[in-house]
Amino acid sequence: MFGVLVASRLRQKLGYRADVVSNGLEAINALARVPYDLILMDVEMPEMDGLTATRQIINERLETAPYIIALTAYATTEDRHKCLAAGMKDFLTKPIRAIELQQVLQQAALSTKSKLVPAVEESIS
């Protein structure tokens, strides 16, 4: 959960709105209420892990699924393949660095051609 809070704070510092949930089931429920463009999904969560939640989101929202980025402490090639196979589009390893998060968010904006633009432009240090 600490990694998710750090990522959330970094996203806010970059000018993005960020909501935080505690597990995959809460992520699915939040997505039912708000049409998120992007989700930073922690792979290891209680109740429902990030891989299971991602699979369910992709299955339920095939055409409208948000861009999902894995957050994980595991950095092996096998872990990356599991995340991509579940439907995640990118992968960030904890500890998360601001510059890496910024790069992945920019890639997400390019890939989805959406308006994943910060509300306020601010340099991060």
N, C-alpha and C. Protein backbone atom coordinates (compact mmCIF):
# COMPACT_ATOMS: atom_id res chain seq x y z
N MET A 1 0.82 -1.19 0.00
CA MET A 1 0.00 0.00 0.00
C MET A 1 0.86 1.25 0.00
N PHE A 2 2.03 1.20 0.64
CA PHE A 2 2.93 2.35 0.70
C PHE A 2 3.34 2.79 -0.70
N GLY A 3 3.65 1.82 -1.56
CA GLY A 3 4.03 2.15 -2.94
C GLY A 3 2.92 2.85 -3.69
N VAL A 4 1.69 2.45 -3.44
CA VAL A 4 0.54 3.08 -4.10
C VAL A 4 0.39 4.51 -3.62
N LEU A 5 0.57 4.74 -2.32
CA LEU A 5 0.47 6.10 -1.79
C LEU A 5 1.57 6.98 -2.35
N VAL A 6 2.78 6.45 -2.46
CA VAL A 6 3.88 7.21 -3.05
C VAL A 6 3.56 7.55 -4.50
N ALA A 7 3.09 6.57 -5.25
CA ALA A 7 2.72 6.82 -6.65
C ALA A 7 1.61 7.85 -6.75
N SER A 8 0.66 7.78 -5.84
CA SER A 8 -0.44 8.74 -5.84
C SER A 8 0.08 10.15 -5.57
N ARG A 9 0.96 10.28 -4.62
CA ARG A 9 1.53 11.60 -4.32
C ARG A 9 2.36 12.12 -5.49
N LEU A 10 3.12 11.23 -6.11
CA LEU A 10 3.91 11.65 -7.28
C LEU A 10 2.99 12.09 -8.41
N ARG A 11 1.91 11.36 -8.64
CA ARG A 11 0.96 11.74 -9.69
C ARG A 11 0.37 13.11 -9.39
N GLN A 12 0.01 13.34 -8.14
CA GLN A 12 -0.55 14.64 -7.76
C GLN A 12 0.49 15.74 -7.96
N LYS A 13 1.73 15.45 -7.61
CA LYS A 13 2.80 16.44 -7.80
C LYS A 13 2.99 16.74 -9.29
N LEU A 14 2.77 15.75 -10.13
CA LEU A 14 2.86 15.94 -11.57
C LEU A 14 1.62 16.65 -12.12
N GLY A 15 0.61 16.83 -11.28
CA GLY A 15 -0.58 17.57 -11.69
C GLY A 15 -1.77 16.71 -12.06
N TYR A 16 -1.72 15.42 -11.80
CA TYR A 16 -2.84 14.52 -12.11
C TYR A 16 -3.68 14.31 -10.87
N ARG A 17 -4.97 14.09 -11.06
CA ARG A 17 -5.85 13.73 -9.95
C ARG A 17 -5.64 12.26 -9.65
N ALA A 18 -5.54 11.92 -8.38
CA ALA A 18 -5.30 10.53 -8.02
C ALA A 18 -6.25 10.09 -6.91
N ASP A 19 -6.89 8.95 -7.10
CA ASP A 19 -7.71 8.33 -6.07
C ASP A 19 -6.98 7.06 -5.63
N VAL A 20 -7.11 6.71 -4.36
CA VAL A 20 -6.42 5.54 -3.82
C VAL A 20 -7.44 4.56 -3.26
N VAL A 21 -7.28 3.28 -3.59
CA VAL A 21 -8.10 2.22 -3.02
C VAL A 21 -7.17 1.20 -2.38
N SER A 22 -7.73 0.29 -1.58
CA SER A 22 -6.90 -0.64 -0.81
C SER A 22 -6.70 -2.00 -1.45
N ASN A 23 -7.57 -2.37 -2.39
CA ASN A 23 -7.44 -3.69 -2.99
C ASN A 23 -8.08 -3.71 -4.38
N GLY A 24 -7.91 -4.80 -5.07
CA GLY A 24 -8.41 -4.92 -6.43
C GLY A 24 -9.92 -4.81 -6.55
N LEU A 25 -10.63 -5.35 -5.58
CA LEU A 25 -12.09 -5.26 -5.61
C LEU A 25 -12.55 -3.80 -5.51
N GLU A 26 -11.90 -3.04 -4.64
CA GLU A 26 -12.22 -1.62 -4.53
C GLU A 26 -11.89 -0.88 -5.83
N ALA A 27 -10.83 -1.30 -6.51
CA ALA A 27 -10.47 -0.68 -7.80
C ALA A 27 -11.57 -0.93 -8.82
N ILE A 28 -12.08 -2.14 -8.87
CA ILE A 28 -13.16 -2.48 -9.81
C ILE A 28 -14.41 -1.66 -9.48
N ASN A 29 -14.74 -1.57 -8.18
CA ASN A 29 -15.91 -0.79 -7.77
C ASN A 29 -15.74 0.70 -8.08
N ALA A 30 -14.54 1.23 -7.88
CA ALA A 30 -14.28 2.64 -8.19
C ALA A 30 -14.43 2.89 -9.69
N LEU A 31 -13.96 1.95 -10.49
CA LEU A 31 -14.05 2.08 -11.95
C LEU A 31 -15.50 2.04 -12.42
N ALA A 32 -16.35 1.36 -11.67
CA ALA A 32 -17.77 1.33 -12.01
C ALA A 32 -18.43 2.70 -11.80
N ARG A 33 -17.83 3.50 -10.90
CA ARG A 33 -18.38 4.82 -10.60
C ARG A 33 -17.74 5.94 -11.41
N VAL A 34 -16.45 5.79 -11.71
CA VAL A 34 -15.69 6.85 -12.39
C VAL A 34 -14.97 6.25 -13.59
N PRO A 35 -15.12 6.84 -14.77
CA PRO A 35 -14.45 6.30 -15.96
C PRO A 35 -12.98 6.73 -16.03
N TYR A 36 -12.12 6.07 -15.28
CA TYR A 36 -10.70 6.42 -15.25
C TYR A 36 -10.04 6.15 -16.60
N ASP A 37 -9.10 7.02 -16.97
CA ASP A 37 -8.31 6.82 -18.18
C ASP A 37 -7.12 5.92 -17.90
N LEU A 38 -6.64 5.95 -16.65
CA LEU A 38 -5.42 5.25 -16.30
C LEU A 38 -5.52 4.73 -14.87
N ILE A 39 -4.97 3.55 -14.65
CA ILE A 39 -4.92 2.97 -13.30
C ILE A 39 -3.49 2.52 -13.03
N LEU A 40 -2.96 2.94 -11.88
CA LEU A 40 -1.70 2.39 -11.38
C LEU A 40 -2.12 1.26 -10.45
N MET A 41 -1.88 0.02 -10.86
CA MET A 41 -2.40 -1.15 -10.15
C MET A 41 -1.28 -1.87 -9.42
N ASP A 42 -1.34 -1.85 -8.09
CA ASP A 42 -0.40 -2.62 -7.30
C ASP A 42 -0.67 -4.10 -7.54
N VAL A 43 0.36 -4.86 -7.80
CA VAL A 43 0.18 -6.28 -8.10
C VAL A 43 -0.19 -7.06 -6.84
N GLU A 44 0.45 -6.74 -5.72
CA GLU A 44 0.21 -7.45 -4.46
C GLU A 44 -0.73 -6.65 -3.57
N MET A 45 -1.98 -7.08 -3.48
CA MET A 45 -2.97 -6.42 -2.62
C MET A 45 -3.80 -7.49 -1.93
N PRO A 46 -4.37 -7.15 -0.77
CA PRO A 46 -5.25 -8.11 -0.10
C PRO A 46 -6.59 -8.24 -0.82
N GLU A 47 -7.34 -9.23 -0.47
CA GLU A 47 -8.69 -9.51 -0.96
C GLU A 47 -8.70 -9.88 -2.44
N MET A 48 -8.21 -9.02 -3.32
CA MET A 48 -8.09 -9.34 -4.74
C MET A 48 -6.81 -8.67 -5.25
N ASP A 49 -5.89 -9.49 -5.77
CA ASP A 49 -4.62 -8.92 -6.23
C ASP A 49 -4.80 -8.15 -7.54
N GLY A 50 -3.76 -7.42 -7.90
CA GLY A 50 -3.82 -6.57 -9.08
C GLY A 50 -3.96 -7.33 -10.39
N LEU A 51 -3.38 -8.52 -10.48
CA LEU A 51 -3.49 -9.31 -11.71
C LEU A 51 -4.94 -9.76 -11.93
N THR A 52 -5.56 -10.25 -10.87
CA THR A 52 -6.96 -10.70 -10.96
C THR A 52 -7.88 -9.52 -11.27
N ALA A 53 -7.66 -8.40 -10.60
CA ALA A 53 -8.48 -7.22 -10.84
C ALA A 53 -8.33 -6.74 -12.28
N THR A 54 -7.11 -6.75 -12.79
CA THR A 54 -6.87 -6.31 -14.17
C THR A 54 -7.59 -7.23 -15.15
N ARG A 55 -7.47 -8.53 -14.95
CA ARG A 55 -8.17 -9.48 -15.85
C ARG A 55 -9.67 -9.21 -15.86
N GLN A 56 -10.23 -8.99 -14.68
CA GLN A 56 -11.68 -8.74 -14.60
C GLN A 56 -12.04 -7.42 -15.29
N ILE A 57 -11.25 -6.39 -15.09
CA ILE A 57 -11.52 -5.10 -15.75
C ILE A 57 -11.46 -5.26 -17.26
N ILE A 58 -10.44 -5.94 -17.76
CA ILE A 58 -10.29 -6.14 -19.21
C ILE A 58 -11.46 -6.95 -19.75
N ASN A 59 -11.84 -8.02 -19.06
CA ASN A 59 -12.96 -8.87 -19.51
C ASN A 59 -14.28 -8.11 -19.53
N GLU A 60 -14.51 -7.26 -18.54
CA GLU A 60 -15.77 -6.53 -18.45
C GLU A 60 -15.82 -5.30 -19.34
N ARG A 61 -14.67 -4.73 -19.63
CA ARG A 61 -14.61 -3.47 -20.37
C ARG A 61 -13.65 -3.58 -21.55
N LEU A 62 -13.81 -4.60 -22.34
CA LEU A 62 -12.88 -4.87 -23.43
C LEU A 62 -12.58 -3.65 -24.28
N GLU A 63 -13.59 -2.93 -24.69
CA GLU A 63 -13.40 -1.77 -25.57
C GLU A 63 -13.04 -0.49 -24.81
N THR A 64 -13.45 -0.40 -23.55
CA THR A 64 -13.27 0.85 -22.81
C THR A 64 -12.35 0.72 -21.60
N ALA A 65 -11.57 -0.34 -21.55
CA ALA A 65 -10.69 -0.55 -20.39
C ALA A 65 -9.65 0.56 -20.31
N PRO A 66 -9.38 1.03 -19.10
CA PRO A 66 -8.35 2.06 -18.95
C PRO A 66 -6.95 1.49 -19.18
N TYR A 67 -6.00 2.36 -19.35
CA TYR A 67 -4.60 1.99 -19.48
C TYR A 67 -4.13 1.61 -18.08
N ILE A 68 -3.73 0.36 -17.89
CA ILE A 68 -3.36 -0.12 -16.55
C ILE A 68 -1.85 -0.35 -16.49
N ILE A 69 -1.23 0.25 -15.47
CA ILE A 69 0.20 0.14 -15.26
C ILE A 69 0.44 -0.65 -13.98
N ALA A 70 1.27 -1.68 -14.06
CA ALA A 70 1.59 -2.49 -12.89
C ALA A 70 2.57 -1.76 -11.97
N LEU A 71 2.33 -1.86 -10.67
CA LEU A 71 3.27 -1.41 -9.66
C LEU A 71 3.67 -2.64 -8.86
N THR A 72 4.96 -2.95 -8.84
CA THR A 72 5.37 -4.16 -8.15
C THR A 72 6.81 -4.06 -7.64
N ALA A 73 7.08 -4.80 -6.59
CA ALA A 73 8.44 -4.88 -6.07
C ALA A 73 9.22 -5.97 -6.80
N TYR A 74 8.53 -6.79 -7.57
CA TYR A 74 9.16 -7.89 -8.29
C TYR A 74 9.53 -7.43 -9.69
N ALA A 75 10.78 -7.65 -10.07
CA ALA A 75 11.25 -7.07 -11.34
C ALA A 75 11.78 -8.11 -12.33
N THR A 76 11.42 -9.36 -12.17
CA THR A 76 11.93 -10.36 -13.09
C THR A 76 11.18 -10.30 -14.42
N THR A 77 11.77 -10.88 -15.43
CA THR A 77 11.13 -10.95 -16.74
C THR A 77 9.82 -11.72 -16.64
N GLU A 78 9.80 -12.77 -15.83
CA GLU A 78 8.58 -13.57 -15.64
C GLU A 78 7.46 -12.72 -15.02
N ASP A 79 7.81 -11.90 -14.03
CA ASP A 79 6.82 -11.02 -13.40
C ASP A 79 6.26 -10.04 -14.42
N ARG A 80 7.12 -9.47 -15.24
CA ARG A 80 6.68 -8.53 -16.28
C ARG A 80 5.72 -9.23 -17.25
N HIS A 81 6.07 -10.45 -17.66
CA HIS A 81 5.21 -11.21 -18.58
C HIS A 81 3.84 -11.50 -17.96
N LYS A 82 3.82 -11.83 -16.66
CA LYS A 82 2.54 -12.09 -15.98
C LYS A 82 1.66 -10.84 -16.01
N CYS A 83 2.26 -9.70 -15.76
CA CYS A 83 1.50 -8.43 -15.76
C CYS A 83 0.96 -8.12 -17.16
N LEU A 84 1.80 -8.27 -18.16
CA LEU A 84 1.37 -7.99 -19.53
C LEU A 84 0.30 -8.99 -19.98
N ALA A 85 0.46 -10.25 -19.58
CA ALA A 85 -0.52 -11.28 -19.94
C ALA A 85 -1.88 -11.01 -19.29
N ALA A 86 -1.87 -10.38 -18.12
CA ALA A 86 -3.12 -10.05 -17.43
C ALA A 86 -3.84 -8.89 -18.10
N GLY A 87 -3.12 -8.13 -18.93
CA GLY A 87 -3.73 -7.00 -19.63
C GLY A 87 -3.16 -5.65 -19.26
N MET A 88 -2.16 -5.65 -18.38
CA MET A 88 -1.51 -4.39 -18.03
C MET A 88 -0.67 -3.93 -19.21
N LYS A 89 -0.60 -2.64 -19.40
CA LYS A 89 0.09 -2.08 -20.57
C LYS A 89 1.53 -1.70 -20.29
N ASP A 90 1.87 -1.49 -19.02
CA ASP A 90 3.23 -1.09 -18.67
C ASP A 90 3.53 -1.56 -17.27
N PHE A 91 4.73 -1.27 -16.80
CA PHE A 91 5.26 -1.91 -15.61
C PHE A 91 6.19 -0.93 -14.90
N LEU A 92 5.95 -0.66 -13.63
CA LEU A 92 6.86 0.15 -12.81
C LEU A 92 7.29 -0.67 -11.61
N THR A 93 8.59 -0.66 -11.34
CA THR A 93 9.13 -1.39 -10.21
C THR A 93 9.31 -0.45 -9.03
N LYS A 94 8.91 -0.92 -7.85
CA LYS A 94 9.10 -0.15 -6.63
C LYS A 94 10.56 -0.28 -6.19
N PRO A 95 11.17 0.72 -5.62
CA PRO A 95 10.59 2.03 -5.33
C PRO A 95 10.40 2.82 -6.63
N ILE A 96 9.32 3.55 -6.68
CA ILE A 96 8.97 4.31 -7.88
C ILE A 96 9.72 5.63 -7.89
N ARG A 97 10.33 5.92 -9.02
CA ARG A 97 11.03 7.19 -9.19
C ARG A 97 10.16 8.13 -10.02
N ALA A 98 10.14 9.38 -9.62
CA ALA A 98 9.28 10.37 -10.27
C ALA A 98 9.50 10.43 -11.77
N ILE A 99 10.74 10.40 -12.21
CA ILE A 99 11.03 10.51 -13.65
C ILE A 99 10.47 9.30 -14.40
N GLU A 100 10.55 8.11 -13.81
CA GLU A 100 10.01 6.91 -14.46
C GLU A 100 8.49 6.98 -14.54
N LEU A 101 7.86 7.45 -13.46
CA LEU A 101 6.40 7.60 -13.46
C LEU A 101 5.98 8.60 -14.54
N GLN A 102 6.69 9.71 -14.61
CA GLN A 102 6.38 10.72 -15.61
C GLN A 102 6.50 10.15 -17.03
N GLN A 103 7.54 9.35 -17.28
CA GLN A 103 7.73 8.74 -18.60
C GLN A 103 6.60 7.77 -18.93
N VAL A 104 6.18 6.97 -17.96
CA VAL A 104 5.12 5.99 -18.21
C VAL A 104 3.79 6.71 -18.45
N LEU A 105 3.55 7.78 -17.72
CA LEU A 105 2.32 8.55 -17.93
C LEU A 105 2.31 9.20 -19.31
N GLN A 106 3.46 9.69 -19.75
CA GLN A 106 3.55 10.27 -21.10
C GLN A 106 3.32 9.20 -22.16
N GLN A 107 3.88 8.01 -21.95
CA GLN A 107 3.68 6.90 -22.89
C GLN A 107 2.21 6.50 -22.93
N ALA A 108 1.57 6.49 -21.77
CA ALA A 108 0.14 6.16 -21.71
C ALA A 108 -0.67 7.17 -22.51
N ALA A 109 -0.34 8.44 -22.37
CA ALA A 109 -1.06 9.49 -23.10
C ALA A 109 -0.88 9.31 -24.60
N LEU A 110 0.33 8.98 -25.03
CA LEU A 110 0.59 8.76 -26.46
C LEU A 110 -0.15 7.52 -26.97
N SER A 111 -0.11 6.46 -26.18
CA SER A 111 -0.72 5.19 -26.60
C SER A 111 -2.23 5.28 -26.69
N THR A 112 -2.83 5.99 -25.77
CA THR A 112 -4.29 6.06 -25.74
C THR A 112 -4.83 7.25 -26.51
N LYS A 113 -3.93 8.15 -26.89
CA LYS A 113 -4.34 9.39 -27.57
C LYS A 113 -5.41 10.11 -26.75
N SER A 114 -5.32 9.94 -25.43
CA SER A 114 -6.31 10.58 -24.56
C SER A 114 -5.74 11.86 -24.00
N LYS A 115 -6.52 12.48 -23.19
CA LYS A 115 -6.10 13.73 -22.59
C LYS A 115 -5.56 13.49 -21.19
N LEU A 116 -4.57 12.62 -21.09
CA LEU A 116 -3.91 12.40 -19.81
C LEU A 116 -2.90 13.53 -19.61
N VAL A 117 -3.41 14.71 -19.45
CA VAL A 117 -2.55 15.87 -19.31
C VAL A 117 -2.67 16.40 -17.90
N PRO A 118 -1.56 16.80 -17.32
CA PRO A 118 -1.63 17.34 -15.97
C PRO A 118 -2.52 18.58 -15.92
N ALA A 119 -3.20 18.75 -14.81
CA ALA A 119 -4.03 19.93 -14.61
C ALA A 119 -3.15 21.17 -14.47
N VAL A 120 -1.99 20.99 -13.85
CA VAL A 120 -1.06 22.08 -13.64
C VAL A 120 0.32 21.58 -14.02
N GLU A 121 1.01 22.29 -14.87
CA GLU A 121 2.36 21.88 -15.21
C GLU A 121 3.28 22.33 -14.10
N GLU A 122 4.09 21.41 -13.61
CA GLU A 122 4.98 21.70 -12.49
C GLU A 122 6.18 20.80 -12.65
N SER A 123 7.36 21.33 -12.42
CA SER A 123 8.53 20.47 -12.50
C SER A 123 8.66 19.72 -11.19
N ILE A 124 9.17 18.51 -11.28
CA ILE A 124 9.34 17.70 -10.07
C ILE A 124 10.80 17.64 -9.73
N SER A 125 11.10 17.65 -8.45
CA SER A 125 12.49 17.57 -8.05
C SER A 125 12.70 16.49 -7.03
